[in-house]
Amino acid sequence: MLIKVDAAAICLNMEGWIFMVPLGYLVATSARVSNALGSGNAASAKFSVWVTVSIALVTQSAFAILLFITRNDFPKLFTNDKIVIKEVSALAVYLCISILPCAILPVLSGMAIGAGWQAAVAYVNSITYYLIGLPIGVFMGFKLDRGLEGLWVGIQIGMGLQTIVLLVMFWRADWDKEVQLTKDRVSEDVGNSEEQKLIN
């Protein structure tokens, strides 16, 4: 059991480090989309999401390929235990697969934040991860006795569903309408600010 825990900790550390790159893309996409919508440029908002998703896929794919090629070597950065190294090498396939949705998901989340869809995305994330992915992982890990691999597959299913739903939201969005909604929100905020000044 401790071997599994050690292997999971190593893999999660690697994933955490690699996730820092798309986390930067999240912030950049959020700022770019909100600025584009605020300036009335719907095409720029949509294009910036496509560009950032493409960049994220390229960089994260490079990380995934590098980890897969060095799956028997990178665990040695963390441990000298040959049994743990072997377990990490076996888990590396799941790690590499999970890096790809982790590339797209933050970019799409940044898009949603920039477009003002925070509430909708909160529901999407809660349902796909906590109500679908996590229960599947627990079922596969404990009921089907797949262990750590089963848990990881469940989490990947949840992340995959999050990514698909956000992609559909992006694809079906009326960006010209989003520009108008952004203008309405800004006008409302300016009006409230002016009213507050008069009250004070």
C-alpha atoms as a PDB file:
ATOM      1  CA  MET A   1       0.000   0.000   0.000  1.00  0.00           C
ATOM      2  CA  LEU A   2       2.815   2.424   0.893  1.00  0.00           C
ATOM      3  CA  ILE A   3       4.412   1.742  -2.488  1.00  0.00           C
ATOM      4  CA  LYS A   4       1.194   2.869  -4.215  1.00  0.00           C
ATOM      5  CA  VAL A   5       1.057   5.991  -2.061  1.00  0.00           C
ATOM      6  CA  ASP A   6       4.697   6.815  -2.828  1.00  0.00           C
ATOM      7  CA  ALA A   7       4.149   6.284  -6.559  1.00  0.00           C
ATOM      8  CA  ALA A   8       0.988   8.421  -6.536  1.00  0.00           C
ATOM      9  CA  ALA A   9       2.805  11.216  -4.674  1.00  0.00           C
ATOM     10  CA  ILE A  10       5.610  11.242  -7.261  1.00  0.00           C
ATOM     11  CA  CYS A  11       3.170  11.300 -10.197  1.00  0.00           C
ATOM     12  CA  LEU A  12       1.037  14.018  -8.609  1.00  0.00           C
ATOM     13  CA  ASN A  13       4.143  16.110  -7.953  1.00  0.00           C
ATOM     14  CA  MET A  14       5.125  15.840 -11.611  1.00  0.00           C
ATOM     15  CA  GLU A  15       1.604  16.700 -12.730  1.00  0.00           C
ATOM     16  CA  GLY A  16       1.505  19.657 -10.335  1.00  0.00           C
ATOM     17  CA  TRP A  17       4.742  21.082 -11.707  1.00  0.00           C
ATOM     18  CA  ILE A  18       3.641  20.633 -15.299  1.00  0.00           C
ATOM     19  CA  PHE A  19       0.211  22.131 -14.516  1.00  0.00           C
ATOM     20  CA  MET A  20       1.867  25.462 -13.671  1.00  0.00           C
ATOM     21  CA  VAL A  21       2.285  26.141 -17.408  1.00  0.00           C
ATOM     22  CA  PRO A  22      -1.422  25.889 -18.383  1.00  0.00           C
ATOM     23  CA  LEU A  23      -2.280  27.756 -15.187  1.00  0.00           C
ATOM     24  CA  GLY A  24      -0.465  30.715 -16.720  1.00  0.00           C
ATOM     25  CA  TYR A  25      -2.482  30.198 -19.899  1.00  0.00           C
ATOM     26  CA  LEU A  26      -5.674  30.366 -17.796  1.00  0.00           C
ATOM     27  CA  VAL A  27      -4.806  33.848 -16.537  1.00  0.00           C
ATOM     28  CA  ALA A  28      -3.665  35.040 -19.971  1.00  0.00           C
ATOM     29  CA  THR A  29      -6.801  33.724 -21.701  1.00  0.00           C
ATOM     30  CA  SER A  30      -9.084  35.257 -19.090  1.00  0.00           C
ATOM     31  CA  ALA A  31      -7.475  38.687 -19.531  1.00  0.00           C
ATOM     32  CA  ARG A  32      -7.365  38.440 -23.328  1.00  0.00           C
ATOM     33  CA  VAL A  33     -10.994  37.329 -23.716  1.00  0.00           C
ATOM     34  CA  SER A  34     -12.351  39.929 -21.284  1.00  0.00           C
ATOM     35  CA  ASN A  35     -10.339  42.717 -22.970  1.00  0.00           C
ATOM     36  CA  ALA A  36     -11.451  41.630 -26.441  1.00  0.00           C
ATOM     37  CA  LEU A  37     -15.113  41.440 -25.419  1.00  0.00           C
ATOM     38  CA  GLY A  38     -14.844  44.777 -23.606  1.00  0.00           C
ATOM     39  CA  SER A  39     -13.452  46.426 -26.724  1.00  0.00           C
ATOM     40  CA  GLY A  40     -16.227  44.909 -28.859  1.00  0.00           C
ATOM     41  CA  ASN A  41     -13.985  42.524 -30.786  1.00  0.00           C
ATOM     42  CA  ALA A  42     -15.756  39.145 -30.746  1.00  0.00           C
ATOM     43  CA  ALA A  43     -13.497  37.619 -33.420  1.00  0.00           C
ATOM     44  CA  SER A  44     -10.393  38.471 -31.390  1.00  0.00           C
ATOM     45  CA  ALA A  45     -11.842  36.810 -28.280  1.00  0.00           C
ATOM     46  CA  LYS A  46     -12.614  33.608 -30.174  1.00  0.00           C
ATOM     47  CA  PHE A  47      -9.277  33.602 -32.010  1.00  0.00           C
ATOM     48  CA  SER A  48      -7.288  34.101 -28.799  1.00  0.00           C
ATOM     49  CA  VAL A  49      -8.911  30.983 -27.302  1.00  0.00           C
ATOM     50  CA  TRP A  50      -7.989  28.909 -30.378  1.00  0.00           C
ATOM     51  CA  VAL A  51      -4.407  30.169 -30.316  1.00  0.00           C
ATOM     52  CA  THR A  52      -3.952  29.509 -26.593  1.00  0.00           C
ATOM     53  CA  VAL A  53      -5.499  26.020 -26.819  1.00  0.00           C
ATOM     54  CA  SER A  54      -3.096  25.228 -29.666  1.00  0.00           C
ATOM     55  CA  ILE A  55      -0.063  26.497 -27.742  1.00  0.00           C
ATOM     56  CA  ALA A  56      -1.147  24.603 -24.621  1.00  0.00           C
ATOM     57  CA  LEU A  57      -1.576  21.365 -26.579  1.00  0.00           C
ATOM     58  CA  VAL A  58       1.880  21.694 -28.124  1.00  0.00           C
ATOM     59  CA  THR A  59       3.687  22.475 -24.859  1.00  0.00           C
ATOM     60  CA  GLN A  60       1.838  19.889 -22.782  1.00  0.00           C
ATOM     61  CA  SER A  61       2.225  17.210 -25.463  1.00  0.00           C
ATOM     62  CA  ALA A  62       5.978  17.868 -25.368  1.00  0.00           C
ATOM     63  CA  PHE A  63       5.947  17.365 -21.587  1.00  0.00           C
ATOM     64  CA  ALA A  64       3.860  14.181 -21.913  1.00  0.00           C
ATOM     65  CA  ILE A  65       6.193  12.729 -24.563  1.00  0.00           C
ATOM     66  CA  LEU A  66       9.255  13.623 -22.474  1.00  0.00           C
ATOM     67  CA  LEU A  67       7.778  11.958 -19.378  1.00  0.00           C
ATOM     68  CA  PHE A  68       6.782   8.863 -21.335  1.00  0.00           C
ATOM     69  CA  ILE A  69      10.259   8.506 -22.856  1.00  0.00           C
ATOM     70  CA  THR A  70      11.914   8.950 -19.445  1.00  0.00           C
ATOM     71  CA  ARG A  71       9.316   6.956 -17.455  1.00  0.00           C
ATOM     72  CA  ASN A  72      12.013   4.582 -16.187  1.00  0.00           C
ATOM     73  CA  ASP A  73      14.386   7.420 -15.303  1.00  0.00           C
ATOM     74  CA  PHE A  74      12.465  10.440 -13.932  1.00  0.00           C
ATOM     75  CA  PRO A  75      11.285   8.530 -10.802  1.00  0.00           C
ATOM     76  CA  LYS A  76      14.962   8.374  -9.749  1.00  0.00           C
ATOM     77  CA  LEU A  77      14.761  12.123  -9.078  1.00  0.00           C
ATOM     78  CA  PHE A  78      12.494  11.268  -6.125  1.00  0.00           C
ATOM     79  CA  THR A  79      13.547   7.825  -4.868  1.00  0.00           C
ATOM     80  CA  ASN A  80      16.132   5.066  -5.046  1.00  0.00           C
ATOM     81  CA  ASP A  81      13.597   2.342  -4.202  1.00  0.00           C
ATOM     82  CA  LYS A  82      13.409   0.071  -7.254  1.00  0.00           C
ATOM     83  CA  ILE A  83       9.892  -1.148  -6.415  1.00  0.00           C
ATOM     84  CA  VAL A  84       8.569   2.436  -6.230  1.00  0.00           C
ATOM     85  CA  ILE A  85      10.407   3.314  -9.454  1.00  0.00           C
ATOM     86  CA  LYS A  86       8.740   0.359 -11.187  1.00  0.00           C
ATOM     87  CA  GLU A  87       5.308   1.426  -9.893  1.00  0.00           C
ATOM     88  CA  VAL A  88       5.822   5.019 -11.047  1.00  0.00           C
ATOM     89  CA  SER A  89       6.910   3.752 -14.471  1.00  0.00           C
ATOM     90  CA  ALA A  90       3.651   1.788 -14.716  1.00  0.00           C
ATOM     91  CA  LEU A  91       1.608   4.839 -13.660  1.00  0.00           C
ATOM     92  CA  ALA A  92       3.456   7.109 -16.093  1.00  0.00           C
ATOM     93  CA  VAL A  93       1.071   6.130 -18.902  1.00  0.00           C
ATOM     94  CA  TYR A  94      -1.905   7.435 -16.882  1.00  0.00           C
ATOM     95  CA  LEU A  95       0.105  10.520 -15.945  1.00  0.00           C
ATOM     96  CA  CYS A  96       0.904  11.295 -19.595  1.00  0.00           C
ATOM     97  CA  ILE A  97      -2.725  10.813 -20.641  1.00  0.00           C
ATOM     98  CA  SER A  98      -3.993  13.127 -17.880  1.00  0.00           C
ATOM     99  CA  ILE A  99      -1.577  15.898 -18.927  1.00  0.00           C
ATOM    100  CA  LEU A 100      -3.502  16.471 -22.183  1.00  0.00           C
ATOM    101  CA  PRO A 101      -6.913  17.381 -20.687  1.00  0.00           C
ATOM    102  CA  CYS A 102      -4.942  19.418 -18.123  1.00  0.00           C
ATOM    103  CA  ALA A 103      -3.612  21.400 -21.093  1.00  0.00           C
ATOM    104  CA  ILE A 104      -6.986  22.387 -22.544  1.00  0.00           C
ATOM    105  CA  LEU A 105      -9.137  22.624 -19.414  1.00  0.00           C
ATOM    106  CA  PRO A 106      -7.389  25.660 -17.829  1.00  0.00           C
ATOM    107  CA  VAL A 107      -7.495  27.571 -21.126  1.00  0.00           C
ATOM    108  CA  LEU A 108     -11.234  26.939 -21.464  1.00  0.00           C
ATOM    109  CA  SER A 109     -11.752  27.855 -17.808  1.00  0.00           C
ATOM    110  CA  GLY A 110      -9.877  31.112 -18.454  1.00  0.00           C
ATOM    111  CA  MET A 111     -12.119  31.748 -21.451  1.00  0.00           C
ATOM    112  CA  ALA A 112     -15.193  31.190 -19.280  1.00  0.00           C
ATOM    113  CA  ILE A 113     -13.918  33.562 -16.590  1.00  0.00           C
ATOM    114  CA  GLY A 114     -13.158  36.226 -19.195  1.00  0.00           C
ATOM    115  CA  ALA A 115     -16.612  35.835 -20.728  1.00  0.00           C
ATOM    116  CA  GLY A 116     -18.363  36.017 -17.346  1.00  0.00           C
ATOM    117  CA  TRP A 117     -19.562  32.401 -17.269  1.00  0.00           C
ATOM    118  CA  GLN A 118     -18.191  31.631 -13.803  1.00  0.00           C
ATOM    119  CA  ALA A 119     -21.462  30.297 -12.403  1.00  0.00           C
ATOM    120  CA  ALA A 120     -22.057  27.929 -15.326  1.00  0.00           C
ATOM    121  CA  VAL A 121     -18.491  26.619 -15.166  1.00  0.00           C
ATOM    122  CA  ALA A 122     -18.770  26.047 -11.416  1.00  0.00           C
ATOM    123  CA  TYR A 123     -21.772  23.783 -12.058  1.00  0.00           C
ATOM    124  CA  VAL A 124     -19.992  22.001 -14.913  1.00  0.00           C
ATOM    125  CA  ASN A 125     -16.896  21.356 -12.807  1.00  0.00           C
ATOM    126  CA  SER A 126     -18.874  20.176  -9.786  1.00  0.00           C
ATOM    127  CA  ILE A 127     -21.085  17.795 -11.769  1.00  0.00           C
ATOM    128  CA  THR A 128     -18.464  16.302 -14.088  1.00  0.00           C
ATOM    129  CA  TYR A 129     -15.736  15.923 -11.475  1.00  0.00           C
ATOM    130  CA  TYR A 130     -17.456  15.330  -8.131  1.00  0.00           C
ATOM    131  CA  LEU A 131     -20.694  13.669  -9.259  1.00  0.00           C
ATOM    132  CA  ILE A 132     -19.361  11.648 -12.225  1.00  0.00           C
ATOM    133  CA  GLY A 133     -15.563  11.309 -12.324  1.00  0.00           C
ATOM    134  CA  LEU A 134     -14.837  10.808  -8.630  1.00  0.00           C
ATOM    135  CA  PRO A 135     -17.586   8.191  -8.022  1.00  0.00           C
ATOM    136  CA  ILE A 136     -16.420   6.269 -11.117  1.00  0.00           C
ATOM    137  CA  GLY A 137     -12.862   6.392  -9.786  1.00  0.00           C
ATOM    138  CA  VAL A 138     -13.919   5.140  -6.351  1.00  0.00           C
ATOM    139  CA  PHE A 139     -16.041   2.387  -7.935  1.00  0.00           C
ATOM    140  CA  MET A 140     -13.214   1.248 -10.221  1.00  0.00           C
ATOM    141  CA  GLY A 141     -10.542   1.616  -7.558  1.00  0.00           C
ATOM    142  CA  PHE A 142     -12.284  -0.185  -4.708  1.00  0.00           C
ATOM    143  CA  LYS A 143     -15.278  -2.109  -6.029  1.00  0.00           C
ATOM    144  CA  LEU A 144     -13.580  -3.422  -9.175  1.00  0.00           C
ATOM    145  CA  ASP A 145     -10.288  -3.685  -7.267  1.00  0.00           C
ATOM    146  CA  ARG A 146      -8.337  -1.676  -9.858  1.00  0.00           C
ATOM    147  CA  GLY A 147      -6.569   0.283  -7.121  1.00  0.00           C
ATOM    148  CA  LEU A 148      -4.749   3.490  -7.917  1.00  0.00           C
ATOM    149  CA  GLU A 149      -5.157   2.986 -11.681  1.00  0.00           C
ATOM    150  CA  GLY A 150      -8.941   2.818 -11.257  1.00  0.00           C
ATOM    151  CA  LEU A 151      -8.999   6.018  -9.220  1.00  0.00           C
ATOM    152  CA  TRP A 152      -6.867   7.750 -11.825  1.00  0.00           C
ATOM    153  CA  VAL A 153      -9.098   6.604 -14.700  1.00  0.00           C
ATOM    154  CA  GLY A 154     -12.166   7.970 -12.902  1.00  0.00           C
ATOM    155  CA  ILE A 155     -10.517  11.351 -12.412  1.00  0.00           C
ATOM    156  CA  GLN A 156      -9.467  11.373 -16.079  1.00  0.00           C
ATOM    157  CA  ILE A 157     -13.060  10.662 -17.100  1.00  0.00           C
ATOM    158  CA  GLY A 158     -14.238  13.626 -15.000  1.00  0.00           C
ATOM    159  CA  MET A 159     -11.598  15.935 -16.480  1.00  0.00           C
ATOM    160  CA  GLY A 160     -12.371  14.685 -19.986  1.00  0.00           C
ATOM    161  CA  LEU A 161     -16.077  15.450 -19.500  1.00  0.00           C
ATOM    162  CA  GLN A 162     -15.253  18.925 -18.154  1.00  0.00           C
ATOM    163  CA  THR A 163     -13.133  19.585 -21.222  1.00  0.00           C
ATOM    164  CA  ILE A 164     -15.807  18.339 -23.638  1.00  0.00           C
ATOM    165  CA  VAL A 165     -18.581  20.416 -22.029  1.00  0.00           C
ATOM    166  CA  LEU A 166     -16.443  23.574 -22.032  1.00  0.00           C
ATOM    167  CA  LEU A 167     -15.459  22.958 -25.658  1.00  0.00           C
ATOM    168  CA  VAL A 168     -19.156  22.686 -26.574  1.00  0.00           C
ATOM    169  CA  MET A 169     -19.878  25.910 -24.670  1.00  0.00           C
ATOM    170  CA  PHE A 170     -17.049  27.626 -26.562  1.00  0.00           C
ATOM    171  CA  TRP A 171     -18.148  26.223 -29.915  1.00  0.00           C
ATOM    172  CA  ARG A 172     -21.820  27.155 -29.485  1.00  0.00           C
ATOM    173  CA  ALA A 173     -21.265  30.596 -27.942  1.00  0.00           C
ATOM    174  CA  ASP A 174     -22.618  33.605 -29.802  1.00  0.00           C
ATOM    175  CA  TRP A 175     -19.588  35.863 -29.373  1.00  0.00           C
ATOM    176  CA  ASP A 176     -21.332  38.929 -30.793  1.00  0.00           C
ATOM    177  CA  LYS A 177     -23.994  38.493 -28.124  1.00  0.00           C
ATOM    178  CA  GLU A 178     -21.248  38.106 -25.493  1.00  0.00           C
ATOM    179  CA  VAL A 179     -19.845  41.479 -26.580  1.00  0.00           C
ATOM    180  CA  GLN A 180     -23.253  43.089 -26.000  1.00  0.00           C
ATOM    181  CA  LEU A 181     -23.646  41.366 -22.621  1.00  0.00           C
ATOM    182  CA  THR A 182     -20.201  42.643 -21.616  1.00  0.00           C
ATOM    183  CA  LYS A 183     -21.158  46.195 -22.606  1.00  0.00           C
ATOM    184  CA  ASP A 184     -24.378  45.887 -20.604  1.00  0.00           C
ATOM    185  CA  ARG A 185     -22.475  44.672 -17.533  1.00  0.00           C
ATOM    186  CA  VAL A 186     -19.948  47.514 -17.811  1.00  0.00           C
ATOM    187  CA  SER A 187     -22.737  50.099 -18.230  1.00  0.00           C
ATOM    188  CA  GLU A 188     -24.527  48.699 -15.209  1.00  0.00           C
ATOM    189  CA  ASP A 189     -21.344  48.832 -13.110  1.00  0.00           C
ATOM    190  CA  VAL A 190     -20.626  52.413 -14.200  1.00  0.00           C
ATOM    191  CA  GLY A 191     -24.211  53.401 -13.387  1.00  0.00           C
ATOM    192  CA  ASN A 192     -24.008  51.821  -9.928  1.00  0.00           C
ATOM    193  CA  SER A 193     -20.670  53.553  -9.316  1.00  0.00           C
ATOM    194  CA  GLU A 194     -22.081  56.965 -10.268  1.00  0.00           C
ATOM    195  CA  GLU A 195     -25.137  56.365  -8.079  1.00  0.00           C
ATOM    196  CA  GLN A 196     -22.908  55.452  -5.149  1.00  0.00           C
ATOM    197  CA  LYS A 197     -20.903  58.660  -5.607  1.00  0.00           C
ATOM    198  CA  LEU A 198     -24.109  60.730  -5.518  1.00  0.00           C
ATOM    199  CA  ILE A 199     -25.249  58.983  -2.331  1.00  0.00           C
ATOM    200  CA  ASN A 200     -21.906  59.626  -0.657  1.00  0.00           C
END
